[in-house]
């Protein structure tokens, strides 16, 4: 068989993809690496509410976020919550991929049991230290333990973070969390993980380079809309991410909800982004623009906090005539997103508790089965 006639391996993933984060993106990256064409099914609001509780984002927002992830080739809207062989056959898929955690229906049934029984199921490593449940927990608990400060501000580990630790609870920052897959936890960034998410394409000669800077915390549909609009001003988009202390200075409270390395991976997952500056200076200097060969600097129509000395962080690009205001057409901010969750605090606390209860039961059953097998 010639190379051109080689069969394309079609891979299926599905899920809620609520508050899309780098954990979702990492599972999709791994799934894409197992084949050639990645199809992602996204559940409806109705299905998620029935089986897990109310989603943070509506289905149209979730469909759009998943489509923008650079490893995704196709999105199936309204995918069934329970994955069946019929679903795989309908979309001409070879196999389904899911993380090595357990997803249960409202009745406590493994949503992937049918495809497991048919030997059309493969597992990828779940990204430890992040989940939608975890991020909601950080907001509700108003914790700051996830932030990187002092000597940890730019730190990464060179260990393979995809490995599942023997003691899952080591990652939990919430003493009440008992499930190995749920709880307020801390992601361990690695240089390997950043490399896996990074793009290998440098700017080509003559490319117009667009630079934007900000927190991009809890990367959401508002962030995506802004970055895609900013990218239209050139050929190559660089995103500068402020450090955790810098973000906390101008946002206050327990912001950022995600630390610097988590935010870097979240931004890098989207195909409109070409490069990220991790720990970008708050004030955009002429030397930064020259070093990155920046053609234009963009900012949204949101308020810009002054530098600590009271100056405008965009003073230099404005004087050079290289500053553009971008209207994303979306008014959602991280603060508004957090407010949306806080206003429904009880709903999300109950959702998290129900999810953890099902996971504990599933984990205990798994441990018992391992004991019997042994």
Protein backbone atom coordinates (compact mmCIF):
# COMPACT_ATOMS: atom_id res chain seq x y z
CA UNK A 1 0.00 0.00 0.00
CA UNK A 2 1.36 3.39 -0.97
CA UNK A 3 1.70 6.18 1.57
CA UNK A 4 -1.08 8.16 -0.16
CA UNK A 5 -3.45 5.17 0.08
CA UNK A 6 -2.83 4.65 3.78
CA UNK A 7 -6.04 4.49 5.81
CA UNK A 8 -6.75 7.58 7.89
CA UNK A 9 -7.28 6.71 11.55
CA UNK A 10 -10.29 8.59 12.89
CA UNK A 11 -10.34 9.20 16.64
CA UNK A 12 -13.32 10.15 18.81
CA UNK A 13 -13.36 12.12 22.05
CA UNK A 14 -16.40 13.49 23.82
CA UNK A 15 -17.27 15.45 26.93
CA UNK A 16 -18.83 18.53 28.46
CA UNK A 17 -15.81 20.77 27.81
CA UNK A 18 -17.16 23.28 30.28
CA UNK A 19 -14.73 26.07 31.16
CA UNK A 20 -12.29 24.65 28.60
CA UNK A 21 -8.80 24.48 30.15
CA UNK A 22 -5.41 23.00 29.35
CA UNK A 23 -6.43 19.66 30.89
CA UNK A 24 -9.09 19.29 28.20
CA UNK A 25 -6.59 20.44 25.57
CA UNK A 26 -3.94 18.00 26.77
CA UNK A 27 -6.32 15.05 26.48
CA UNK A 28 -7.22 16.16 22.94
CA UNK A 29 -3.53 16.56 22.09
CA UNK A 30 -2.86 12.99 23.23
CA UNK A 31 -5.90 11.66 21.39
CA UNK A 32 -4.87 13.35 18.14
CA UNK A 33 -1.41 11.76 18.46
CA UNK A 34 -3.07 8.31 18.43
CA UNK A 35 -4.52 8.86 14.96
CA UNK A 36 -4.83 11.26 12.04
CA UNK A 37 -8.23 12.96 12.35
CA UNK A 38 -9.80 13.99 15.66
CA UNK A 39 -13.57 14.30 16.05
CA UNK A 40 -14.86 15.76 19.31
CA UNK A 41 -18.43 15.31 20.50
CA UNK A 42 -19.77 17.99 22.87
CA UNK A 43 -22.79 17.35 25.11
CA UNK A 44 -25.82 19.62 25.34
CA UNK A 45 -26.68 21.75 28.36
CA UNK A 46 -29.68 19.51 29.06
CA UNK A 47 -27.59 16.32 29.18
CA UNK A 48 -24.92 17.88 31.41
CA UNK A 49 -27.50 19.26 33.83
CA UNK A 50 -29.13 15.82 34.10
CA UNK A 51 -25.94 13.89 34.76
CA UNK A 52 -23.62 16.38 36.48
CA UNK A 53 -25.38 19.63 37.26
CA UNK A 54 -25.57 23.01 35.51
CA UNK A 55 -22.70 23.89 33.16
CA UNK A 56 -20.93 27.23 33.55
CA UNK A 57 -20.99 27.93 29.80
CA UNK A 58 -23.87 27.27 27.43
CA UNK A 59 -23.53 24.73 24.63
CA UNK A 60 -22.96 27.29 21.86
CA UNK A 61 -20.04 28.78 23.82
CA UNK A 62 -18.63 25.30 24.46
CA UNK A 63 -18.93 24.23 20.81
CA UNK A 64 -17.03 27.34 19.74
CA UNK A 65 -14.25 26.91 22.30
CA UNK A 66 -13.59 23.29 21.32
CA UNK A 67 -13.53 24.14 17.59
CA UNK A 68 -10.77 26.67 18.26
CA UNK A 69 -8.38 24.14 19.89
CA UNK A 70 -5.56 23.42 17.47
CA UNK A 71 -5.70 19.60 17.65
CA UNK A 72 -9.43 19.39 16.84
CA UNK A 73 -10.46 18.63 13.26
CA UNK A 74 -14.23 18.41 13.67
CA UNK A 75 -16.87 19.03 16.35
CA UNK A 76 -20.12 17.07 16.69
CA UNK A 77 -22.73 19.16 18.47
CA UNK A 78 -25.14 17.50 20.88
CA UNK A 79 -23.18 14.26 21.23
CA UNK A 80 -24.89 11.71 23.53
CA UNK A 81 -23.65 11.60 27.13
CA UNK A 82 -23.19 7.81 26.98
CA UNK A 83 -20.75 6.81 24.24
CA UNK A 84 -21.97 3.86 22.18
CA UNK A 85 -20.60 1.72 19.35
CA UNK A 86 -23.44 3.09 17.19
CA UNK A 87 -22.08 6.62 17.70
CA UNK A 88 -18.59 5.56 16.64
CA UNK A 89 -19.97 3.76 13.59
CA UNK A 90 -22.17 6.71 12.62
CA UNK A 91 -19.13 8.97 12.38
CA UNK A 92 -16.86 6.28 10.84
CA UNK A 93 -14.57 6.37 13.89
CA UNK A 94 -11.97 3.71 14.67
CA UNK A 95 -11.88 4.13 18.44
CA UNK A 96 -12.71 6.41 21.34
CA UNK A 97 -10.16 8.04 23.67
CA UNK A 98 -10.77 9.22 27.23
CA UNK A 99 -8.62 10.05 30.26
CA UNK A 100 -7.80 7.49 32.93
CA UNK A 101 -10.48 8.78 35.27
CA UNK A 102 -14.06 7.52 35.42
CA UNK A 103 -17.08 9.35 33.98
CA UNK A 104 -20.44 8.28 35.36
CA UNK A 105 -24.07 8.85 34.39
CA UNK A 106 -26.65 10.09 36.90
CA UNK A 107 -27.35 6.39 37.60
CA UNK A 108 -23.69 5.63 38.35
CA UNK A 109 -22.96 3.81 35.08
CA UNK A 110 -19.60 4.10 33.30
CA UNK A 111 -20.36 6.17 30.19
CA UNK A 112 -17.70 4.31 28.18
CA UNK A 113 -18.56 0.72 29.16
CA UNK A 114 -20.10 -0.16 25.78
CA UNK A 115 -17.06 0.91 23.74
CA UNK A 116 -14.73 -0.70 26.29
CA UNK A 117 -16.57 -4.00 25.85
CA UNK A 118 -16.23 -3.65 22.06
CA UNK A 119 -12.44 -3.06 22.35
CA UNK A 120 -12.82 0.36 20.73
CA UNK A 121 -11.58 2.36 23.69
CA UNK A 122 -8.14 3.75 24.50
CA UNK A 123 -6.96 5.78 27.47
CA UNK A 124 -4.77 8.83 27.70
CA UNK A 125 -3.23 10.30 30.83
CA UNK A 126 -5.46 12.69 32.70
CA UNK A 127 -3.71 15.99 33.45
CA UNK A 128 -3.28 16.04 37.21
CA UNK A 129 -4.10 19.19 39.11
CA UNK A 130 -6.78 20.73 36.92
CA UNK A 131 -10.47 20.17 36.24
CA UNK A 132 -13.53 22.34 35.84
CA UNK A 133 -14.56 21.21 39.32
CA UNK A 134 -11.17 22.28 40.65
CA UNK A 135 -11.34 25.73 39.05
CA UNK A 136 -14.87 26.33 40.34
CA UNK A 137 -13.60 25.28 43.77
CA UNK A 138 -10.77 27.81 43.63
CA UNK A 139 -13.28 30.54 42.93
CA UNK A 140 -15.70 29.52 45.66
CA UNK A 141 -12.97 28.99 48.27
CA UNK A 142 -11.13 32.18 47.24
CA UNK A 143 -7.81 30.36 47.62
CA UNK A 144 -4.41 31.77 46.60
CA UNK A 145 -2.31 28.63 47.10
CA UNK A 146 -2.26 27.96 43.34
CA UNK A 147 -0.43 31.20 42.53
CA UNK A 148 3.30 31.29 41.74
CA UNK A 149 5.23 33.87 43.72
CA UNK A 150 8.81 34.57 44.76
CA UNK A 151 11.23 31.85 43.68
CA UNK A 152 8.32 29.84 42.19
CA UNK A 153 7.10 32.73 40.03
CA UNK A 154 8.66 31.41 36.83
CA UNK A 155 9.41 27.88 37.99
CA UNK A 156 8.84 24.64 36.11
CA UNK A 157 9.74 21.04 36.80
CA UNK A 158 11.57 18.78 34.36
CA UNK A 159 9.64 15.74 35.56
CA UNK A 160 6.99 14.06 33.42
CA UNK A 161 3.78 15.56 34.80
CA UNK A 162 1.55 13.17 32.82
CA UNK A 163 2.35 10.36 35.26
CA UNK A 164 -0.37 9.74 37.80
CA UNK A 165 1.05 10.06 41.33
CA UNK A 166 0.67 7.13 43.71
CA UNK A 167 -0.83 9.41 46.32
CA UNK A 168 -3.41 11.51 44.48
CA UNK A 169 -4.18 13.53 47.61
CA UNK A 170 -0.73 15.12 47.44
CA UNK A 171 -2.22 17.46 44.83
CA UNK A 172 -5.23 18.48 46.89
CA UNK A 173 -5.26 21.85 48.59
CA UNK A 174 -8.74 21.26 50.01
CA UNK A 175 -8.69 19.02 53.06
CA UNK A 176 -12.29 17.88 52.47
CA UNK A 177 -11.58 16.43 49.02
CA UNK A 178 -11.49 12.63 49.02
CA UNK A 179 -11.86 11.66 45.37
CA UNK A 180 -8.57 11.13 43.47
CA UNK A 181 -10.01 13.03 40.50
CA UNK A 182 -11.78 15.93 42.23
CA UNK A 183 -10.69 18.61 44.69
CA UNK A 184 -8.97 21.94 44.76
CA UNK A 185 -5.50 21.02 43.60
CA UNK A 186 -2.23 22.33 42.22
CA UNK A 187 -0.87 21.69 38.75
CA UNK A 188 2.83 20.91 38.49
CA UNK A 189 4.18 22.63 35.37
CA UNK A 190 6.93 20.97 33.38
CA UNK A 191 9.16 22.12 30.56
CA UNK A 192 8.09 19.01 28.63
CA UNK A 193 4.43 19.98 28.90
CA UNK A 194 5.11 23.51 27.64
CA UNK A 195 7.10 22.09 24.69
CA UNK A 196 4.23 19.74 23.83
CA UNK A 197 1.83 22.68 23.60
CA UNK A 198 4.19 25.05 21.81
CA UNK A 199 4.15 25.78 18.09
CA UNK A 200 7.28 25.07 16.09
CA UNK A 201 6.55 27.70 13.43
CA UNK A 202 8.61 30.89 13.78
CA UNK A 203 7.43 34.06 12.04
CA UNK A 204 8.30 34.17 8.35
CA UNK A 205 10.23 37.08 6.84
CA UNK A 206 7.78 39.89 6.18
CA UNK A 207 5.15 38.65 8.62
CA UNK A 208 3.25 41.38 10.49
CA UNK A 209 3.64 40.49 14.16
CA UNK A 210 0.79 41.31 16.52
CA UNK A 211 1.46 41.57 20.26
CA UNK A 212 -1.16 41.51 23.02
CA UNK A 213 -0.63 41.28 26.77
CA UNK A 214 -2.79 40.48 29.76
CA UNK A 215 -3.79 37.89 32.34
CA UNK A 216 -5.96 35.66 30.12
CA UNK A 217 -7.14 33.99 33.30
CA UNK A 218 -9.69 31.15 33.09
CA UNK A 219 -9.37 31.35 29.32
CA UNK A 220 -12.97 31.82 28.15
CA UNK A 221 -15.01 32.74 25.09
CA UNK A 222 -14.34 36.46 25.66
CA UNK A 223 -10.58 35.83 25.56
CA UNK A 224 -10.94 33.75 22.40
CA UNK A 225 -13.04 36.37 20.62
CA UNK A 226 -10.50 39.07 21.44
CA UNK A 227 -7.46 37.04 20.34
CA UNK A 228 -9.06 36.02 17.06
CA UNK A 229 -9.91 39.67 16.33
CA UNK A 230 -6.39 40.77 17.30
CA UNK A 231 -4.87 38.09 15.04
CA UNK A 232 -6.67 39.67 12.07
CA UNK A 233 -4.33 42.69 12.40
CA UNK A 234 -1.32 40.67 11.25
CA UNK A 235 0.14 37.29 10.38
CA UNK A 236 1.67 36.07 13.65
CA UNK A 237 0.14 36.52 17.12
CA UNK A 238 2.28 36.74 20.26
CA UNK A 239 0.54 36.77 23.64
CA UNK A 240 2.37 38.24 26.64
CA UNK A 241 1.22 36.79 29.97
CA UNK A 242 1.69 38.84 33.13
CA UNK A 243 3.07 37.18 36.27
CA UNK A 244 0.76 36.17 39.11
CA UNK A 245 1.87 39.05 41.40
CA UNK A 246 1.35 41.55 38.56
CA UNK A 247 -2.16 40.23 37.88
CA UNK A 248 -2.99 40.23 41.57
CA UNK A 249 -1.84 43.85 41.83
CA UNK A 250 -4.29 45.12 39.22
CA UNK A 251 -7.15 42.64 39.79
CA UNK A 252 -6.95 42.04 43.55
CA UNK A 253 -8.81 39.36 45.56
CA UNK A 254 -7.48 35.88 44.71
CA UNK A 255 -6.77 36.62 41.05
CA UNK A 256 -5.39 35.08 38.98
CA UNK A 257 -7.48 31.93 39.48
CA UNK A 258 -4.98 30.04 37.31
CA UNK A 259 -1.26 30.47 37.81
CA UNK A 260 1.17 31.69 35.16
CA UNK A 261 2.14 28.28 33.79
CA UNK A 262 -1.46 27.10 33.70
CA UNK A 263 -2.45 30.23 31.82
CA UNK A 264 0.41 29.72 29.35
CA UNK A 265 -0.77 26.23 28.44
CA UNK A 266 -4.38 27.36 28.19
CA UNK A 267 -3.49 30.13 25.71
CA UNK A 268 -1.11 27.94 23.67
CA UNK A 269 -3.87 25.39 23.07
CA UNK A 270 -5.70 27.67 20.64
CA UNK A 271 -4.78 27.74 16.97
CA UNK A 272 -4.97 31.54 16.63
CA UNK A 273 -1.97 31.89 19.01
CA UNK A 274 1.52 31.47 17.59
CA UNK A 275 3.75 32.27 20.58
CA UNK A 276 3.54 33.15 24.28
CA UNK A 277 5.83 35.30 26.41
CA UNK A 278 5.69 33.78 29.90
CA UNK A 279 6.00 36.49 32.52
CA UNK A 280 5.77 39.46 30.15
CA UNK A 281 6.57 42.92 31.59
CA UNK A 282 3.50 44.98 32.40
CA UNK A 283 4.76 48.07 30.56
CA UNK A 284 5.44 47.48 26.85
CA UNK A 285 8.86 48.94 26.17
CA UNK A 286 10.54 49.83 22.89
CA UNK A 287 13.17 47.15 23.50
CA UNK A 288 10.45 44.50 23.87
CA UNK A 289 8.89 45.61 20.59
CA UNK A 290 12.25 45.56 18.84
CA UNK A 291 13.24 42.17 20.28
CA UNK A 292 9.97 40.59 19.13
CA UNK A 293 9.85 42.63 15.91
CA UNK A 294 6.33 43.79 16.80
CA UNK A 295 4.34 45.53 14.07
CA UNK A 296 1.26 46.39 16.08
CA UNK A 297 0.14 46.16 19.74
CA UNK A 298 -3.54 45.47 20.39
CA UNK A 299 -5.72 45.81 23.47
CA UNK A 300 -9.42 45.29 24.06
CA UNK A 301 -11.86 48.00 25.09
CA UNK A 302 -11.56 47.11 28.77
CA UNK A 303 -10.01 49.33 31.44
CA UNK A 304 -6.19 49.46 31.54
CA UNK A 305 -4.65 49.78 35.00
CA UNK A 306 -1.66 52.14 35.16
CA UNK A 307 1.81 50.93 36.03
CA UNK A 308 2.92 51.14 39.66
CA UNK A 309 4.51 54.53 38.92
CA UNK A 310 1.23 55.79 37.43
CA UNK A 311 2.30 55.71 33.78
CA UNK A 312 0.38 54.16 30.89
CA UNK A 313 1.73 50.65 30.10
CA UNK A 314 0.90 51.28 26.41
CA UNK A 315 2.63 54.67 26.22
CA UNK A 316 5.46 53.50 23.93
CA UNK A 317 3.39 51.75 21.23
CA UNK A 318 0.96 54.69 21.27
CA UNK A 319 3.79 57.17 20.66
CA UNK A 320 5.11 54.97 17.84
CA UNK A 321 1.67 54.85 16.22
CA UNK A 322 1.57 51.07 16.65
CA UNK A 323 -1.33 50.74 19.11
CA UNK A 324 -4.80 49.53 18.12
CA UNK A 325 -7.98 49.16 20.17
CA UNK A 326 -9.84 45.98 19.29
CA UNK A 327 -13.57 45.50 19.73
CA UNK A 328 -14.06 41.75 20.23
CA UNK A 329 -17.85 42.01 20.22
CA UNK A 330 -17.89 40.10 23.51
CA UNK A 331 -18.23 41.80 26.89
CA UNK A 332 -17.43 38.72 29.00
CA UNK A 333 -14.50 39.21 31.39
CA UNK A 334 -12.96 36.87 33.94
CA UNK A 335 -14.54 38.93 36.71
CA UNK A 336 -18.00 38.56 35.13
CA UNK A 337 -17.41 34.83 34.75
CA UNK A 338 -16.49 34.48 38.42
CA UNK A 339 -19.56 36.54 39.37
CA UNK A 340 -21.72 34.18 37.27
CA UNK A 341 -20.43 31.26 39.34
CA UNK A 342 -20.57 32.97 42.73
CA UNK A 343 -24.21 33.94 42.13
CA UNK A 344 -25.00 30.25 41.67
CA UNK A 345 -22.66 29.11 44.41
CA UNK A 346 -25.04 26.57 45.96
CA UNK A 347 -25.77 24.95 42.58
CA UNK A 348 -22.08 24.48 41.85
CA UNK A 349 -21.21 23.32 45.37
CA UNK A 350 -23.93 20.67 45.11
CA UNK A 351 -22.70 19.75 41.62
CA UNK A 352 -19.13 19.30 42.87
CA UNK A 353 -20.29 17.25 45.86
CA UNK A 354 -22.40 14.92 43.68
CA UNK A 355 -19.56 14.48 41.20
CA UNK A 356 -17.10 13.63 43.95
CA UNK A 357 -19.50 11.18 45.59
CA UNK A 358 -19.88 9.23 42.33
CA UNK A 359 -16.13 9.29 41.73
CA UNK A 360 -15.38 7.96 45.23
CA UNK A 361 -17.79 5.06 44.70
CA UNK A 362 -16.23 4.29 41.31
CA UNK A 363 -12.68 4.53 42.66
CA UNK A 364 -13.47 2.23 45.60
CA UNK A 365 -15.06 -0.30 43.23
CA UNK A 366 -11.97 -0.13 41.03
CA UNK A 367 -9.69 -0.74 44.00
CA UNK A 368 -11.81 -3.71 45.10
CA UNK A 369 -11.65 -5.22 41.61
CA UNK A 370 -7.87 -4.82 41.58
CA UNK A 371 -7.71 -6.59 44.93
CA UNK A 372 -9.76 -9.49 43.58
CA UNK A 373 -7.63 -9.69 40.43
CA UNK A 374 -4.52 -9.82 42.58
